[in-house]
């Protein structure tokens, strides 16, 4: 299991999006951003690598229908 934490810049690099776009999407379209980790007592923006991996996997489109 991967317990690594990603910051905003690392998430942006992974998704190929700017940190500013990710921040905007967190407010206007929460489904466009992986679920974030809330660390009590802080305002840090962090994501668990495993949650990001699951979120990405859940958005893979099936090519099965396109082949038929």
N, C-alpha and C. Protein backbone atom coordinates (compact mmCIF):
# COMPACT_ATOMS: atom_id res chain seq x y z
N UNK A 1 0.85 -1.18 0.00
CA UNK A 1 0.00 0.00 0.00
C UNK A 1 0.90 1.24 0.00
N UNK A 2 0.53 2.22 -0.80
CA UNK A 2 1.33 3.43 -0.92
C UNK A 2 0.73 4.52 -0.03
N UNK A 3 1.45 4.89 1.03
CA UNK A 3 0.98 5.90 1.98
C UNK A 3 1.54 7.28 1.68
N UNK A 4 2.15 7.47 0.52
CA UNK A 4 2.75 8.76 0.20
C UNK A 4 1.69 9.85 0.14
N UNK A 5 2.07 11.05 0.59
CA UNK A 5 1.19 12.21 0.51
C UNK A 5 1.68 13.12 -0.61
N UNK A 6 0.73 13.61 -1.39
CA UNK A 6 1.04 14.54 -2.47
C UNK A 6 0.61 15.94 -2.08
N UNK A 7 1.42 16.93 -2.42
CA UNK A 7 1.00 18.31 -2.22
C UNK A 7 0.35 18.80 -3.52
N UNK A 8 -0.06 20.04 -3.54
CA UNK A 8 -0.78 20.60 -4.68
C UNK A 8 0.06 20.56 -5.96
N UNK A 9 1.33 20.91 -5.86
CA UNK A 9 2.20 20.89 -7.04
C UNK A 9 2.42 19.48 -7.57
N UNK A 10 2.58 18.52 -6.67
CA UNK A 10 2.77 17.13 -7.10
C UNK A 10 1.51 16.58 -7.75
N UNK A 11 0.35 16.90 -7.19
CA UNK A 11 -0.91 16.46 -7.79
C UNK A 11 -1.08 17.08 -9.17
N UNK A 12 -0.77 18.37 -9.28
CA UNK A 12 -0.87 19.04 -10.57
C UNK A 12 0.03 18.39 -11.61
N UNK A 13 1.25 18.07 -11.23
CA UNK A 13 2.18 17.42 -12.17
C UNK A 13 1.66 16.06 -12.58
N UNK A 14 1.10 15.32 -11.65
CA UNK A 14 0.57 13.99 -11.94
C UNK A 14 -0.61 14.06 -12.89
N UNK A 15 -1.49 15.05 -12.69
CA UNK A 15 -2.70 15.18 -13.50
C UNK A 15 -2.48 16.01 -14.76
N UNK A 16 -1.33 16.66 -14.87
CA UNK A 16 -1.07 17.51 -16.02
C UNK A 16 -1.92 18.78 -15.99
N UNK A 17 -2.17 19.29 -14.79
CA UNK A 17 -2.98 20.49 -14.61
C UNK A 17 -2.24 21.44 -13.68
N UNK A 18 -2.54 22.72 -13.81
CA UNK A 18 -1.87 23.69 -12.95
C UNK A 18 -2.48 23.66 -11.55
N UNK A 19 -1.67 24.01 -10.55
CA UNK A 19 -2.21 24.09 -9.19
C UNK A 19 -3.39 25.06 -9.09
N UNK A 20 -3.36 26.14 -9.86
CA UNK A 20 -4.45 27.11 -9.84
C UNK A 20 -5.75 26.49 -10.35
N UNK A 21 -5.65 25.68 -11.39
CA UNK A 21 -6.84 25.01 -11.93
C UNK A 21 -7.40 24.02 -10.93
N UNK A 22 -6.54 23.30 -10.26
CA UNK A 22 -7.00 22.35 -9.25
C UNK A 22 -7.72 23.09 -8.13
N UNK A 23 -7.17 24.21 -7.67
CA UNK A 23 -7.84 24.99 -6.63
C UNK A 23 -9.21 25.47 -7.08
N UNK A 24 -9.30 25.94 -8.32
CA UNK A 24 -10.60 26.39 -8.84
C UNK A 24 -11.59 25.24 -8.90
N UNK A 25 -11.12 24.08 -9.37
CA UNK A 25 -12.01 22.92 -9.47
C UNK A 25 -12.47 22.44 -8.10
N UNK A 26 -11.65 22.63 -7.08
CA UNK A 26 -12.06 22.23 -5.73
C UNK A 26 -13.29 23.01 -5.29
N UNK A 27 -13.46 24.23 -5.81
CA UNK A 27 -14.60 25.07 -5.45
C UNK A 27 -15.78 24.90 -6.40
N UNK A 28 -15.50 24.75 -7.71
CA UNK A 28 -16.58 24.77 -8.68
C UNK A 28 -17.01 23.39 -9.17
N UNK A 29 -16.13 22.40 -9.09
CA UNK A 29 -16.46 21.07 -9.60
C UNK A 29 -15.66 20.03 -8.83
N UNK A 30 -16.12 19.69 -7.66
CA UNK A 30 -15.38 18.79 -6.78
C UNK A 30 -15.13 17.41 -7.38
N UNK A 31 -15.95 17.01 -8.35
CA UNK A 31 -15.76 15.70 -8.98
C UNK A 31 -14.57 15.69 -9.94
N UNK A 32 -14.04 16.86 -10.27
CA UNK A 32 -12.91 16.97 -11.18
C UNK A 32 -11.57 16.86 -10.45
N UNK A 33 -11.63 16.64 -9.14
CA UNK A 33 -10.43 16.57 -8.32
C UNK A 33 -10.53 15.34 -7.42
N UNK A 34 -9.42 14.61 -7.23
CA UNK A 34 -9.46 13.47 -6.31
C UNK A 34 -9.82 13.92 -4.89
N UNK A 35 -10.38 13.02 -4.09
CA UNK A 35 -10.70 13.39 -2.71
C UNK A 35 -9.43 13.75 -1.94
N UNK A 36 -9.52 14.83 -1.19
CA UNK A 36 -8.32 15.31 -0.49
C UNK A 36 -8.32 14.84 0.95
N UNK A 37 -7.15 14.80 1.50
CA UNK A 37 -6.95 14.42 2.90
C UNK A 37 -7.10 15.66 3.76
N UNK A 38 -7.94 15.57 4.78
CA UNK A 38 -8.10 16.69 5.71
C UNK A 38 -7.27 16.39 6.96
N UNK A 39 -6.30 17.22 7.23
CA UNK A 39 -5.47 17.08 8.42
C UNK A 39 -6.00 18.07 9.45
N UNK A 40 -6.61 17.58 10.53
CA UNK A 40 -7.22 18.48 11.52
C UNK A 40 -6.23 19.53 12.03
N UNK A 41 -6.74 20.75 12.15
CA UNK A 41 -5.93 21.84 12.68
C UNK A 41 -5.05 22.52 11.66
N UNK A 42 -5.15 22.10 10.40
CA UNK A 42 -4.33 22.72 9.36
C UNK A 42 -5.20 23.07 8.15
N UNK A 43 -4.63 23.89 7.27
CA UNK A 43 -5.28 24.20 6.00
C UNK A 43 -4.47 23.63 4.84
N UNK A 44 -3.62 22.64 5.16
CA UNK A 44 -2.78 22.04 4.14
C UNK A 44 -3.61 21.30 3.10
N UNK A 45 -3.23 21.43 1.86
CA UNK A 45 -3.86 20.67 0.79
C UNK A 45 -2.97 19.46 0.52
N UNK A 46 -3.48 18.27 0.86
CA UNK A 46 -2.73 17.04 0.68
C UNK A 46 -3.66 15.95 0.16
N UNK A 47 -3.08 15.07 -0.64
CA UNK A 47 -3.81 13.93 -1.17
C UNK A 47 -2.99 12.68 -0.93
N UNK A 48 -3.66 11.59 -0.56
CA UNK A 48 -2.96 10.31 -0.42
C UNK A 48 -2.81 9.72 -1.81
N UNK A 49 -1.63 9.22 -2.11
CA UNK A 49 -1.36 8.63 -3.42
C UNK A 49 -2.36 7.53 -3.74
N UNK A 50 -2.68 6.71 -2.75
CA UNK A 50 -3.61 5.60 -2.98
C UNK A 50 -5.01 6.09 -3.36
N UNK A 51 -5.46 7.20 -2.75
CA UNK A 51 -6.77 7.76 -3.11
C UNK A 51 -6.75 8.32 -4.53
N UNK A 52 -5.65 8.96 -4.90
CA UNK A 52 -5.52 9.50 -6.26
C UNK A 52 -5.52 8.36 -7.27
N UNK A 53 -4.79 7.28 -6.95
CA UNK A 53 -4.74 6.12 -7.85
C UNK A 53 -6.14 5.52 -8.04
N UNK A 54 -6.88 5.37 -6.96
CA UNK A 54 -8.25 4.83 -7.05
C UNK A 54 -9.16 5.77 -7.84
N UNK A 55 -9.03 7.06 -7.60
CA UNK A 55 -9.84 8.04 -8.31
C UNK A 55 -9.55 7.98 -9.81
N UNK A 56 -8.29 7.91 -10.17
CA UNK A 56 -7.93 7.81 -11.59
C UNK A 56 -8.47 6.52 -12.20
N UNK A 57 -8.34 5.41 -11.48
CA UNK A 57 -8.83 4.13 -12.00
C UNK A 57 -10.34 4.15 -12.21
N UNK A 58 -11.05 4.88 -11.37
CA UNK A 58 -12.51 4.93 -11.49
C UNK A 58 -12.96 5.77 -12.68
N UNK A 59 -12.04 6.49 -13.30
CA UNK A 59 -12.38 7.34 -14.44
C UNK A 59 -11.85 6.82 -15.76
N UNK A 60 -11.41 5.58 -15.78
CA UNK A 60 -10.93 4.98 -17.02
C UNK A 60 -12.15 4.55 -17.82
N UNK A 61 -12.20 5.02 -19.07
CA UNK A 61 -13.31 4.66 -19.93
C UNK A 61 -13.06 3.30 -20.56
N UNK A 62 -14.09 2.53 -20.63
CA UNK A 62 -13.99 1.23 -21.26
C UNK A 62 -13.96 1.39 -22.77
N UNK A 63 -13.08 0.69 -23.42
CA UNK A 63 -13.01 0.72 -24.88
C UNK A 63 -13.85 -0.39 -25.47
N UNK A 64 -14.45 -1.20 -24.64
CA UNK A 64 -15.24 -2.34 -25.10
C UNK A 64 -16.35 -1.89 -26.04
N UNK A 65 -17.10 -0.87 -25.66
CA UNK A 65 -18.19 -0.38 -26.48
C UNK A 65 -17.71 0.21 -27.79
N UNK A 66 -16.54 0.79 -27.80
CA UNK A 66 -16.02 1.42 -29.00
C UNK A 66 -15.57 0.38 -30.02
N UNK A 67 -15.25 -0.82 -29.57
CA UNK A 67 -14.77 -1.86 -30.46
C UNK A 67 -15.91 -2.64 -31.11
N UNK A 68 -17.08 -2.55 -30.55
CA UNK A 68 -18.22 -3.32 -31.08
C UNK A 68 -18.94 -2.58 -32.17
